[in-house]
Amino acid sequence: MKKKLTRREFLEKTTLTVAAGASLTAAGAQSHAAPEKRHIPTRKLGRTGVEVPVLSFGGGSRFLMYKDEEEALRVLNGVIEMGVTYVDTAAAYGDGLSETRIGKVLKTRRKEVFLATKIPESARTRDAALREFEASLKRLGTDRVDLLHVHSLKGDDDLARIEAPDGALKALYELREQKAARFIGMTSHTDGAVMKKAIERHDLDCVQMALNPARSNSFEKLALPAASKKNMGVILMKATAQGKLVGTGAGVADVDSLLRYALSLPVSTMVVGMPQVAHIEQNVAAVKAFKPMSQSEMDSLAMRVSPSSAS
């Protein structure tokens, strides 16, 4: 059995790898790519046609658990070397800290990364959304993103604000037209029914939604089929409900089963927070070994997992 790396060994290894990649670039190499990068499975991000890794790096609360800045940057460089090149962040994560950290890594790796960020809930008008996007670009140190979402759609009233003539969605259409955002989308944690309405009404490229076996009656039954029908890229989040579904006993399951369930759905990638080196290794190993669950296996897992744990 392969020996698991300690946190120190992982960070030392990735520091050496990144340094070697930088040397190669200086000598005229085309990228920092490590051999392992070729072995992460990929899927098409819906109608965008872009191939993305099935495992994506979550830049939210789990990334912010790395309190040491240098450690956080080494970890992010390390996962990119492993082939986890889809990086998900948002203005709201740490009040911009996540974007700032990621921006430091992007200084030398922008071409390798599929970058997704989000317009915060506080910016539901066109003008506010444009201001927030400009601030995000500054923190990220780039002039473009690959995917720009309206963050955290909640209910019909919220959708009405977003899709109003002067709503945030108008800003996203403009930014896509200007190619400041290659693709646009929306995310939702709580309301599969309103997400379904947004999908059916609007010209979105992608959607990001909470999907796990404890939430199968909302997004999985309502929003996911609507997105698949329009060939949208679907980004899954909350595969483990931030670890709340992980464990032994009633109402929980092992990580590998939860990730298998996630990738057995018609999704393009899953965004996972990875606050420990052990989590990174386990998740990468799981996606490399992935075999789809049968429908009966998925139904059985959904019956075992408690809906009350899935938020």
Protein backbone atom coordinates (compact mmCIF):
# COMPACT_ATOMS: atom_id res chain seq x y z
CA MET A 1 0.00 0.00 0.00
CA LYS A 2 1.29 3.43 -0.88
CA LYS A 3 2.52 5.39 2.16
CA LYS A 4 0.45 8.51 2.86
CA LEU A 5 2.36 11.77 2.91
CA THR A 6 2.40 13.84 6.04
CA ARG A 7 1.42 17.50 5.73
CA ARG A 8 5.09 18.52 5.96
CA GLU A 9 6.15 15.98 3.31
CA PHE A 10 3.34 17.08 0.98
CA LEU A 11 4.26 20.74 1.31
CA GLU A 12 7.97 20.05 0.86
CA LYS A 13 7.24 17.93 -2.21
CA THR A 14 4.98 20.53 -3.81
CA THR A 15 7.44 23.32 -3.07
CA LEU A 16 10.14 21.39 -4.93
CA THR A 17 7.76 20.58 -7.79
CA VAL A 18 6.67 24.19 -8.19
CA ALA A 19 10.27 25.37 -8.06
CA ALA A 20 11.20 22.84 -10.74
CA GLY A 21 8.24 23.98 -12.84
CA ALA A 22 9.37 27.58 -12.54
CA SER A 23 12.86 26.61 -13.68
CA LEU A 24 11.46 24.79 -16.69
CA THR A 25 9.36 27.80 -17.61
CA ALA A 26 12.40 30.02 -17.45
CA ALA A 27 14.12 27.59 -19.79
CA GLY A 28 11.27 27.82 -22.28
CA ALA A 29 8.85 25.09 -21.17
CA GLN A 30 5.18 25.63 -21.95
CA SER A 31 3.66 24.98 -18.48
CA HIS A 32 4.23 23.72 -14.96
CA ALA A 33 2.37 20.49 -15.73
CA ALA A 34 3.44 17.45 -13.71
CA PRO A 35 2.98 13.90 -15.04
CA GLU A 36 0.13 13.21 -12.58
CA LYS A 37 -1.95 15.95 -14.17
CA ARG A 38 -2.76 13.76 -17.15
CA HIS A 39 -4.37 11.13 -14.93
CA ILE A 40 -7.17 13.17 -13.34
CA PRO A 41 -10.35 12.26 -15.25
CA THR A 42 -12.08 15.10 -17.08
CA ARG A 43 -15.57 15.81 -18.39
CA LYS A 44 -17.02 18.43 -20.71
CA LEU A 45 -18.47 21.47 -18.98
CA GLY A 46 -21.72 21.20 -20.85
CA ARG A 47 -22.23 23.39 -23.89
CA THR A 48 -19.02 25.33 -23.21
CA GLY A 49 -17.11 22.38 -24.65
CA VAL A 50 -14.29 22.94 -22.14
CA GLU A 51 -12.77 19.84 -20.56
CA VAL A 52 -12.51 20.25 -16.79
CA PRO A 53 -11.26 17.89 -14.09
CA VAL A 54 -14.02 16.02 -12.29
CA LEU A 55 -12.54 17.22 -9.00
CA SER A 56 -12.35 20.99 -8.49
CA PHE A 57 -10.70 23.00 -5.75
CA GLY A 58 -13.07 24.78 -3.38
CA GLY A 59 -11.76 28.17 -2.29
CA GLY A 60 -14.40 28.73 0.39
CA SER A 61 -14.37 28.16 4.14
CA ARG A 62 -12.22 25.01 3.90
CA PHE A 63 -9.47 26.85 2.01
CA LEU A 64 -9.61 29.64 4.59
CA MET A 65 -8.92 27.08 7.33
CA TYR A 66 -5.29 27.24 6.23
CA LYS A 67 -4.34 30.10 8.53
CA ASP A 68 -0.74 30.31 7.35
CA GLU A 69 -0.62 32.20 4.05
CA GLU A 70 2.45 30.43 2.67
CA GLU A 71 1.01 27.04 3.48
CA ALA A 72 -2.26 27.92 1.75
CA LEU A 73 -0.40 28.97 -1.40
CA ARG A 74 1.77 25.84 -1.40
CA VAL A 75 -1.32 23.66 -1.06
CA LEU A 76 -3.05 25.40 -3.97
CA ASN A 77 0.06 25.10 -6.13
CA GLY A 78 0.24 21.45 -5.16
CA VAL A 79 -3.31 20.58 -6.17
CA ILE A 80 -2.84 22.35 -9.50
CA GLU A 81 0.23 20.19 -10.08
CA MET A 82 -1.95 17.14 -9.38
CA GLY A 83 -4.36 18.19 -12.12
CA VAL A 84 -7.06 19.86 -10.03
CA THR A 85 -7.04 22.91 -12.28
CA TYR A 86 -10.62 24.15 -11.84
CA VAL A 87 -10.46 26.68 -8.99
CA ASP A 88 -13.69 27.97 -7.44
CA THR A 89 -13.78 31.14 -5.37
CA ALA A 90 -16.06 34.10 -4.57
CA ALA A 91 -15.88 37.67 -3.36
CA ALA A 92 -17.76 36.59 -0.24
CA TYR A 93 -15.19 33.99 0.82
CA GLY A 94 -13.28 35.58 3.67
CA ASP A 95 -14.36 39.04 2.51
CA GLY A 96 -12.08 38.73 -0.51
CA LEU A 97 -9.25 36.78 1.17
CA SER A 98 -9.82 33.68 -0.95
CA GLU A 99 -9.59 35.68 -4.18
CA THR A 100 -6.49 37.48 -2.92
CA ARG A 101 -4.74 34.21 -2.10
CA ILE A 102 -5.68 32.67 -5.42
CA GLY A 103 -4.50 35.80 -7.22
CA LYS A 104 -1.01 35.28 -5.83
CA VAL A 105 -0.88 31.80 -7.37
CA LEU A 106 -2.37 33.00 -10.66
CA LYS A 107 0.57 35.36 -11.20
CA THR A 108 2.51 32.41 -12.63
CA ARG A 109 -0.26 29.91 -13.39
CA ARG A 110 -3.19 31.77 -14.97
CA LYS A 111 -3.07 29.78 -18.21
CA GLU A 112 -3.30 26.49 -16.33
CA VAL A 113 -6.36 27.34 -14.27
CA PHE A 114 -10.06 27.36 -15.10
CA LEU A 115 -11.10 30.20 -12.79
CA ALA A 116 -14.61 30.63 -11.42
CA THR A 117 -15.78 33.38 -9.09
CA LYS A 118 -19.09 34.84 -7.99
CA ILE A 119 -20.91 38.15 -7.61
CA PRO A 120 -22.04 38.39 -3.95
CA GLU A 121 -25.59 38.49 -2.64
CA SER A 122 -25.12 42.15 -1.73
CA ALA A 123 -24.87 43.05 -5.44
CA ARG A 124 -28.16 42.17 -7.10
CA THR A 125 -28.24 45.20 -9.44
CA ARG A 126 -26.28 45.66 -12.66
CA ASP A 127 -24.17 48.53 -11.38
CA ALA A 128 -23.36 46.88 -8.07
CA ALA A 129 -22.46 43.64 -9.84
CA LEU A 130 -20.07 45.45 -12.18
CA ARG A 131 -18.38 47.16 -9.24
CA GLU A 132 -17.98 43.87 -7.41
CA PHE A 133 -16.59 42.17 -10.50
CA GLU A 134 -14.00 44.91 -10.93
CA ALA A 135 -12.94 44.43 -7.31
CA SER A 136 -12.71 40.67 -7.82
CA LEU A 137 -10.48 41.10 -10.87
CA LYS A 138 -8.17 43.35 -8.87
CA ARG A 139 -7.86 40.80 -6.06
CA LEU A 140 -7.35 37.95 -8.53
CA GLY A 141 -4.77 39.92 -10.50
CA THR A 142 -6.35 39.11 -13.85
CA ASP A 143 -8.40 40.81 -16.54
CA ARG A 144 -10.82 37.93 -17.08
CA VAL A 145 -12.44 34.92 -15.48
CA ASP A 146 -13.54 31.70 -17.10
CA LEU A 147 -16.85 31.49 -15.26
CA LEU A 148 -18.79 34.18 -13.40
CA HIS A 149 -21.77 33.25 -11.26
CA VAL A 150 -24.48 35.13 -9.47
CA HIS A 151 -23.90 33.77 -5.97
CA SER A 152 -26.46 31.96 -3.82
CA LEU A 153 -29.85 32.30 -5.48
CA LYS A 154 -32.56 32.21 -2.81
CA GLY A 155 -36.26 32.14 -3.60
CA ASP A 156 -38.54 33.79 -6.12
CA ASP A 157 -38.08 37.32 -4.78
CA ASP A 158 -34.32 37.01 -5.11
CA LEU A 159 -34.63 35.72 -8.67
CA ALA A 160 -36.90 38.66 -9.50
CA ARG A 161 -34.21 41.10 -8.34
CA ILE A 162 -31.49 39.31 -10.29
CA GLU A 163 -33.46 39.14 -13.54
CA ALA A 164 -34.92 42.67 -13.36
CA PRO A 165 -34.07 45.04 -16.24
CA ASP A 166 -31.35 46.60 -14.05
CA GLY A 167 -30.52 43.35 -12.25
CA ALA A 168 -27.20 41.56 -11.80
CA LEU A 169 -27.92 39.18 -14.66
CA LYS A 170 -27.73 42.09 -17.11
CA ALA A 171 -24.18 42.74 -15.92
CA LEU A 172 -23.24 39.10 -16.51
CA TYR A 173 -24.57 39.18 -20.07
CA GLU A 174 -22.55 42.34 -20.74
CA LEU A 175 -19.38 40.86 -19.26
CA ARG A 176 -19.77 37.72 -21.34
CA GLU A 177 -20.25 39.83 -24.47
CA GLN A 178 -17.09 41.77 -23.59
CA LYS A 179 -15.24 38.47 -22.94
CA ALA A 180 -14.31 39.56 -19.43
CA ALA A 181 -16.21 36.44 -18.39
CA ARG A 182 -16.03 33.54 -20.85
CA PHE A 183 -19.11 31.89 -19.36
CA ILE A 184 -21.84 32.84 -16.90
CA GLY A 185 -24.02 31.03 -14.41
CA MET A 186 -25.80 30.98 -11.07
CA THR A 187 -25.36 29.05 -7.84
CA SER A 188 -27.87 27.95 -5.24
CA HIS A 189 -27.57 26.10 -1.94
CA THR A 190 -31.19 25.96 -0.90
CA ASP A 191 -33.89 26.07 -3.57
CA GLY A 192 -34.02 23.57 -6.42
CA ALA A 193 -37.38 24.86 -7.62
CA VAL A 194 -36.23 28.45 -8.13
CA MET A 195 -32.99 27.23 -9.68
CA LYS A 196 -35.09 25.28 -12.18
CA LYS A 197 -36.93 28.50 -13.08
CA ALA A 198 -33.66 30.37 -13.58
CA ILE A 199 -32.35 27.59 -15.82
CA GLU A 200 -35.47 27.54 -17.96
CA ARG A 201 -35.74 31.32 -18.31
CA HIS A 202 -32.17 32.42 -18.92
CA ASP A 203 -29.25 31.93 -21.29
CA LEU A 204 -26.78 30.55 -18.76
CA ASP A 205 -23.75 28.44 -19.61
CA CYS A 206 -23.42 26.74 -16.24
CA VAL A 207 -25.12 26.27 -12.89
CA GLN A 208 -23.70 25.25 -9.53
CA MET A 209 -25.94 23.45 -7.07
CA ALA A 210 -25.92 21.51 -3.81
CA LEU A 211 -26.19 17.81 -4.61
CA ASN A 212 -25.72 14.87 -2.27
CA PRO A 213 -27.76 11.80 -1.31
CA ALA A 214 -29.52 13.67 1.50
CA ARG A 215 -30.76 16.39 -0.88
CA SER A 216 -31.95 14.23 -3.77
CA ASN A 217 -35.54 15.52 -3.71
CA SER A 218 -34.74 19.16 -4.51
CA PHE A 219 -31.90 19.93 -6.90
CA GLU A 220 -31.50 16.39 -8.18
CA LYS A 221 -35.17 15.98 -9.09
CA LEU A 222 -35.90 19.53 -10.27
CA ALA A 223 -32.90 21.62 -11.29
CA LEU A 224 -30.52 18.95 -12.54
CA PRO A 225 -32.83 17.58 -15.29
CA ALA A 226 -33.59 21.13 -16.45
CA ALA A 227 -29.88 21.92 -16.74
CA SER A 228 -29.15 18.66 -18.54
CA LYS A 229 -31.94 19.37 -21.03
CA LYS A 230 -30.25 22.66 -21.99
CA ASN A 231 -26.78 21.08 -22.00
CA MET A 232 -25.53 23.43 -19.30
CA GLY A 233 -22.35 22.68 -17.44
CA VAL A 234 -23.33 21.47 -13.98
CA ILE A 235 -20.98 22.08 -11.08
CA LEU A 236 -21.82 20.05 -8.01
CA MET A 237 -21.12 21.33 -4.51
CA LYS A 238 -21.80 20.01 -1.00
CA ALA A 239 -20.98 16.41 -1.93
CA THR A 240 -20.27 15.71 1.74
CA ALA A 241 -22.24 18.67 3.18
CA GLN A 242 -18.90 20.08 4.39
CA GLY A 243 -18.16 16.81 6.15
CA LYS A 244 -21.49 16.58 7.97
CA LEU A 245 -22.45 13.46 6.02
CA VAL A 246 -19.14 11.70 6.68
CA GLY A 247 -18.85 9.05 9.36
CA THR A 248 -20.02 5.64 10.47
CA GLY A 249 -23.45 4.73 11.72
CA ALA A 250 -26.94 5.94 10.92
CA GLY A 251 -27.42 8.97 8.69
CA VAL A 252 -23.85 9.20 7.41
CA ALA A 253 -21.52 7.47 4.94
CA ASP A 254 -17.86 7.16 4.00
CA VAL A 255 -16.23 9.82 1.82
CA ASP A 256 -15.59 7.53 -1.13
CA SER A 257 -19.27 6.56 -1.34
CA LEU A 258 -20.37 10.19 -1.22
CA LEU A 259 -17.93 11.17 -3.97
CA ARG A 260 -18.99 8.17 -6.06
CA TYR A 261 -22.61 9.23 -5.68
CA ALA A 262 -21.74 12.76 -6.77
CA LEU A 263 -19.89 11.69 -9.90
CA SER A 264 -22.58 9.16 -10.80
CA LEU A 265 -24.92 12.09 -11.42
CA PRO A 266 -24.88 13.91 -14.81
CA VAL A 267 -22.51 16.62 -13.60
CA SER A 268 -19.32 18.04 -15.09
CA THR A 269 -17.29 18.49 -11.93
CA MET A 270 -17.63 18.66 -8.16
CA VAL A 271 -16.20 21.48 -6.06
CA VAL A 272 -14.75 20.12 -2.84
CA GLY A 273 -13.14 21.94 0.05
CA MET A 274 -9.91 20.25 1.12
CA PRO A 275 -8.60 21.68 4.42
CA GLN A 276 -6.12 18.87 5.09
CA VAL A 277 -3.46 17.16 3.01
CA ALA A 278 -5.05 13.80 3.79
CA HIS A 279 -8.31 15.02 2.23
CA ILE A 280 -6.52 16.07 -0.95
CA GLU A 281 -4.87 12.67 -1.35
CA GLN A 282 -8.07 10.79 -0.57
CA ASN A 283 -10.18 12.81 -3.00
CA VAL A 284 -7.67 12.57 -5.84
CA ALA A 285 -7.40 8.80 -5.31
CA ALA A 286 -11.20 8.49 -5.27
CA VAL A 287 -11.74 10.26 -8.58
CA LYS A 288 -8.96 8.29 -10.25
CA ALA A 289 -10.59 5.03 -9.12
CA PHE A 290 -14.17 6.16 -9.83
CA LYS A 291 -16.71 3.66 -11.09
CA PRO A 292 -20.34 4.75 -11.46
CA MET A 293 -22.89 3.63 -8.91
CA SER A 294 -25.92 1.76 -10.12
CA GLN A 295 -29.28 3.42 -9.57
CA SER A 296 -30.08 0.90 -6.85
CA GLU A 297 -26.83 1.75 -5.04
CA MET A 298 -27.63 5.45 -5.26
CA ASP A 299 -31.16 4.90 -3.97
CA SER A 300 -29.85 2.80 -1.10
CA LEU A 301 -27.34 5.47 -0.09
CA ALA A 302 -29.99 8.18 -0.27
CA MET A 303 -32.20 6.15 2.08
CA ARG A 304 -29.36 5.73 4.59
CA VAL A 305 -28.31 9.37 4.77
CA SER A 306 -30.27 11.76 6.93
CA PRO A 307 -31.72 14.83 5.16
CA SER A 308 -31.32 16.83 8.37
CA SER A 309 -27.53 16.63 8.01
CA ALA A 310 -27.34 17.89 4.44
CA SER A 311 -27.20 21.68 4.75
